[in-house]
Amino acid sequence: MRFNGLITGCVLITVPAIVSADILSFAIGAGVWNETPEGNIIIPSNAVTPTVDVENNLFWSEESQGYIFATLEHPVPILPNVRVMYTKLDHTGAGSTAFAFDGESFSGTVANEFSIEQTDILGYYEVLDNVVSLDLGLNVRLLDLTYMINDDAGTSTSGSVSAPVPMLYGLIGGSPWPGVLLSAEGNYMSISGSTISDFNAKIAYTTSFFIGFEAGYRVQSIELDDVDDTNAKIDFNGPFLGAYLKF
């Protein structure tokens, strides 16, 4: 599938009232996201098998995916705080099915490999930073997709696409107890009917020994509307658990 027509332009306006952090702080961490994929890819021009379901045709199932992140917050009011986060979604499957994809028809035993690498480069401002937290900013997601499909008759296709995806970012949360943050966080982009979103709700606890823990639920969605004669709606949902060091 060719996704090169997805990102053609984006105009974003963010005018937050800037609140700077009191001190310089740095955090680095990692975790595991136990996600379940669901959804389908629809090729309207294919009258035989227009719908490719990720569970029934690609045989994707629940997977544990890793993520890593680093955050820098500082007391300089004009400059945004910075977070970098990397997530990789790997899905493979094989089974007896029949469908058309990327101009090829597959049948019999069909195997596939999909990999979606995401590097988020986020700049954000702390609009509120006390008992109630409110962050606003801009995230540029570097998206790298590779895929391969083949069947036992020798038919195969593969490809890759890389694109920067600008997304609006926001976080709202509260601290009912010292060191504890309950928050909802989201990244969102919509253009020409196609949408990419990434939301999570979590609880984070930073101890007095520079060690912190986080747990929550993350929902990521990719929706394509007539991109290279293809429609798609694929979701990745599930709980995550991570740990970090904060200085």
Protein backbone atom coordinates (compact mmCIF):
# COMPACT_ATOMS: atom_id res chain seq x y z
CA MET A 1 0.00 0.00 0.00
CA ARG A 2 1.23 3.51 -0.75
CA PHE A 3 0.67 6.11 1.95
CA ASN A 4 2.65 8.92 0.32
CA GLY A 5 -0.49 10.96 -0.34
CA LEU A 6 -1.45 11.05 3.34
CA ILE A 7 0.47 14.13 4.47
CA THR A 8 0.23 17.04 2.03
CA GLY A 9 0.21 19.97 4.46
CA CYS A 10 -0.84 21.08 7.91
CA VAL A 11 -1.49 24.46 9.53
CA LEU A 12 -1.40 24.45 13.33
CA ILE A 13 -1.91 27.33 15.77
CA THR A 14 -0.99 26.97 19.45
CA VAL A 15 -0.93 30.06 21.68
CA PRO A 16 -0.52 28.91 25.27
CA ALA A 17 0.05 31.05 28.32
CA ILE A 18 3.52 29.84 29.20
CA VAL A 19 4.33 28.61 32.69
CA SER A 20 7.96 27.59 33.17
CA ALA A 21 9.15 24.77 35.37
CA ASP A 22 10.65 25.80 38.71
CA ILE A 23 13.80 23.73 38.21
CA LEU A 24 15.65 21.86 35.51
CA SER A 25 14.57 18.21 35.37
CA PHE A 26 15.32 15.24 33.15
CA ALA A 27 13.55 11.89 32.93
CA ILE A 28 14.29 8.75 30.95
CA GLY A 29 12.23 5.58 30.94
CA ALA A 30 10.83 2.58 29.13
CA GLY A 31 7.84 0.30 29.22
CA VAL A 32 5.73 -2.37 27.59
CA TRP A 33 2.44 -1.80 25.76
CA ASN A 34 0.27 -4.92 25.52
CA GLU A 35 -1.82 -3.91 22.48
CA THR A 36 -4.53 -5.67 20.49
CA PRO A 37 -5.05 -4.70 16.82
CA GLU A 38 -8.44 -4.52 15.14
CA GLY A 39 -9.87 -3.04 11.97
CA ASN A 40 -9.57 -3.40 8.23
CA ILE A 41 -8.19 -2.05 4.98
CA ILE A 42 -10.72 -1.43 2.21
CA ILE A 43 -9.82 -1.19 -1.47
CA PRO A 44 -13.07 -0.08 -3.19
CA SER A 45 -11.84 -0.76 -6.74
CA ASN A 46 -11.32 -4.45 -5.93
CA ALA A 47 -14.73 -6.08 -6.48
CA VAL A 48 -13.60 -9.60 -5.44
CA THR A 49 -12.13 -9.07 -1.95
CA PRO A 50 -12.34 -5.36 -1.15
CA THR A 51 -11.85 -5.75 2.62
CA VAL A 52 -8.69 -7.02 4.31
CA ASP A 53 -9.39 -7.63 7.99
CA VAL A 54 -6.29 -7.51 10.21
CA GLU A 55 -7.54 -10.39 12.38
CA ASN A 56 -9.25 -12.68 9.85
CA ASN A 57 -7.04 -12.06 6.77
CA LEU A 58 -3.69 -10.93 8.18
CA PHE A 59 -4.02 -13.05 11.36
CA TRP A 60 -2.71 -10.34 13.65
CA SER A 61 -3.18 -10.88 17.37
CA GLU A 62 -2.29 -9.35 20.73
CA GLU A 63 1.37 -8.38 21.03
CA SER A 64 3.62 -6.84 23.68
CA GLN A 65 5.43 -3.83 22.21
CA GLY A 66 8.21 -1.80 23.80
CA TYR A 67 8.53 1.96 24.11
CA ILE A 68 11.22 4.31 25.41
CA PHE A 69 11.13 8.02 26.19
CA ALA A 70 13.12 10.97 27.51
CA THR A 71 11.77 14.31 28.80
CA LEU A 72 13.55 17.59 29.49
CA GLU A 73 11.81 20.36 31.45
CA HIS A 74 13.51 23.68 32.20
CA PRO A 75 12.82 27.10 33.76
CA VAL A 76 13.27 29.15 30.54
CA PRO A 77 9.79 30.59 29.78
CA ILE A 78 10.08 31.15 26.01
CA LEU A 79 11.53 27.77 25.09
CA PRO A 80 9.26 24.68 25.05
CA ASN A 81 9.91 21.61 27.11
CA VAL A 82 10.97 18.62 25.02
CA ARG A 83 10.03 14.96 24.98
CA VAL A 84 11.27 12.26 22.62
CA MET A 85 9.45 8.93 22.50
CA TYR A 86 9.96 5.82 20.36
CA THR A 87 7.35 3.09 19.83
CA LYS A 88 7.57 0.14 17.46
CA LEU A 89 4.57 -1.95 16.44
CA ASP A 90 5.48 -5.31 14.90
CA HIS A 91 2.78 -7.65 13.64
CA THR A 92 3.10 -10.89 11.69
CA GLY A 93 0.59 -13.52 10.67
CA ALA A 94 0.02 -16.52 8.44
CA GLY A 95 -2.99 -18.61 7.50
CA SER A 96 -5.37 -19.75 4.82
CA THR A 97 -7.16 -16.80 3.21
CA ALA A 98 -7.69 -14.87 -0.01
CA PHE A 99 -7.53 -11.13 -0.66
CA ALA A 100 -6.03 -8.46 -2.91
CA PHE A 101 -3.44 -5.98 -1.67
CA ASP A 102 -1.16 -3.47 -3.39
CA GLY A 103 -2.30 -4.63 -6.84
CA GLU A 104 -1.62 -8.33 -6.16
CA SER A 105 -4.05 -11.20 -5.45
CA PHE A 106 -3.12 -13.63 -2.67
CA SER A 107 -4.67 -16.99 -1.85
CA GLY A 108 -3.86 -20.24 -0.09
CA THR A 109 -1.47 -19.91 2.83
CA VAL A 110 -0.61 -16.22 3.09
CA ALA A 111 2.11 -14.81 5.35
CA ASN A 112 2.73 -11.17 6.20
CA GLU A 113 5.00 -8.91 8.21
CA PHE A 114 4.19 -5.30 9.11
CA SER A 115 6.35 -2.93 11.13
CA ILE A 116 5.39 0.60 12.19
CA GLU A 117 8.16 2.64 13.80
CA GLN A 118 7.16 5.90 15.46
CA THR A 119 9.52 8.54 16.78
CA ASP A 120 7.73 11.43 18.50
CA ILE A 121 9.55 14.75 18.84
CA LEU A 122 7.37 16.84 21.10
CA GLY A 123 7.66 20.48 22.17
CA TYR A 124 5.17 21.60 24.80
CA TYR A 125 4.42 24.38 27.27
CA GLU A 126 3.09 24.00 30.79
CA VAL A 127 -0.01 26.21 30.87
CA LEU A 128 -0.85 25.04 34.40
CA ASP A 129 1.57 23.35 36.76
CA ASN A 130 0.24 22.92 40.29
CA VAL A 131 -2.52 20.69 41.64
CA VAL A 132 -3.99 20.82 38.12
CA SER A 133 -1.68 20.27 35.13
CA LEU A 134 -2.32 21.45 31.58
CA ASP A 135 0.24 21.06 28.79
CA LEU A 136 -0.18 22.14 25.16
CA GLY A 137 2.20 21.73 22.26
CA LEU A 138 3.12 20.33 18.89
CA ASN A 139 4.32 16.81 18.17
CA VAL A 140 6.10 15.78 14.98
CA ARG A 141 5.78 12.01 14.58
CA LEU A 142 8.36 10.44 12.28
CA LEU A 143 6.43 7.50 10.86
CA ASP A 144 8.23 4.62 9.15
CA LEU A 145 6.11 1.76 7.77
CA THR A 146 7.45 -1.40 6.12
CA TYR A 147 5.48 -4.45 4.97
CA MET A 148 5.84 -7.76 3.20
CA ILE A 149 3.15 -10.23 2.03
CA ASN A 150 3.58 -13.54 0.19
CA ASP A 151 1.63 -16.73 -0.46
CA ASP A 152 2.57 -20.33 -1.21
CA ALA A 153 2.02 -19.76 -4.95
CA GLY A 154 4.96 -17.33 -5.06
CA THR A 155 3.00 -14.09 -5.22
CA SER A 156 4.59 -11.39 -3.10
CA THR A 157 4.66 -7.67 -2.49
CA SER A 158 6.61 -5.40 -0.18
CA GLY A 159 7.19 -1.74 0.36
CA SER A 160 7.93 1.04 2.79
CA VAL A 161 7.04 4.65 3.37
CA SER A 162 8.43 7.29 5.70
CA ALA A 163 6.70 10.57 6.49
CA PRO A 164 6.67 13.25 9.19
CA VAL A 165 3.21 13.66 10.73
CA PRO A 166 2.52 16.96 12.58
CA MET A 167 0.10 16.48 15.46
CA LEU A 168 -1.51 18.67 18.09
CA TYR A 169 -0.63 17.63 21.65
CA GLY A 170 -2.39 18.12 24.97
CA LEU A 171 -2.32 16.79 28.53
CA ILE A 172 -4.65 17.46 31.42
CA GLY A 173 -4.11 16.00 34.85
CA GLY A 174 -4.27 16.37 38.58
CA SER A 175 -2.09 15.57 41.60
CA PRO A 176 -4.28 14.35 44.47
CA TRP A 177 -1.16 13.40 46.49
CA PRO A 178 2.49 14.49 46.31
CA GLY A 179 4.36 12.55 43.63
CA VAL A 180 1.17 11.18 42.04
CA LEU A 181 -0.20 12.38 38.70
CA LEU A 182 -3.48 11.24 37.15
CA SER A 183 -3.62 12.37 33.53
CA ALA A 184 -5.18 12.06 30.10
CA GLU A 185 -2.87 12.74 27.17
CA GLY A 186 -3.42 12.91 23.44
CA ASN A 187 -1.89 13.50 20.01
CA TYR A 188 -4.17 14.24 17.06
CA MET A 189 -3.95 15.03 13.34
CA SER A 190 -6.73 15.22 10.75
CA ILE A 191 -6.37 16.28 7.12
CA SER A 192 -8.53 15.63 4.07
CA GLY A 193 -10.65 13.13 6.01
CA SER A 194 -7.69 11.04 7.17
CA THR A 195 -6.89 10.96 10.87
CA ILE A 196 -4.11 9.72 13.13
CA SER A 197 -4.70 9.83 16.88
CA ASP A 198 -2.91 8.53 19.95
CA PHE A 199 -4.54 8.85 23.40
CA ASN A 200 -3.76 7.46 26.82
CA ALA A 201 -4.99 7.69 30.40
CA LYS A 202 -2.50 6.87 33.12
CA ILE A 203 -1.34 7.16 36.70
CA ALA A 204 2.29 8.02 37.40
CA TYR A 205 4.10 7.99 40.74
CA THR A 206 7.55 9.51 41.29
CA THR A 207 9.24 8.39 44.48
CA SER A 208 11.71 10.44 46.52
CA PHE A 209 14.52 8.17 45.24
CA PHE A 210 14.43 9.42 41.60
CA ILE A 211 12.51 6.31 40.49
CA GLY A 212 9.01 6.49 39.02
CA PHE A 213 6.36 4.14 37.73
CA GLU A 214 3.49 4.59 35.28
CA ALA A 215 0.53 2.47 34.23
CA GLY A 216 -2.42 3.13 32.00
CA TYR A 217 -4.35 2.39 28.83
CA ARG A 218 -3.36 3.55 25.34
CA VAL A 219 -5.49 3.78 22.20
CA GLN A 220 -3.90 4.50 18.83
CA SER A 221 -5.94 4.85 15.62
CA ILE A 222 -5.03 5.21 11.94
CA GLU A 223 -7.90 6.16 9.62
CA LEU A 224 -7.37 6.67 5.88
CA ASP A 225 -9.98 8.24 3.61
CA ASP A 226 -9.38 7.56 -0.09
CA VAL A 227 -5.58 7.59 0.15
CA ASP A 228 -4.26 6.05 -3.09
CA ASP A 229 -7.72 4.48 -3.66
CA THR A 230 -7.63 2.93 -0.20
CA ASN A 231 -9.71 3.36 2.96
CA ALA A 232 -8.60 1.98 6.30
CA LYS A 233 -9.47 2.05 9.99
CA ILE A 234 -6.98 0.24 12.22
CA ASP A 235 -6.84 0.56 16.00
CA PHE A 236 -4.26 -0.60 18.53
CA ASN A 237 -5.61 -0.74 22.10
CA GLY A 238 -4.32 -2.02 25.40
CA PRO A 239 -2.74 -1.44 28.81
CA PHE A 240 0.85 -0.35 29.35
CA LEU A 241 3.30 -0.40 32.24
CA GLY A 242 6.56 1.49 32.52
CA ALA A 243 9.30 2.78 34.82
CA TYR A 244 11.55 5.82 34.69
CA LEU A 245 14.33 7.75 36.37
CA LYS A 246 13.71 11.44 37.05
CA PHE A 247 16.43 13.84 38.15
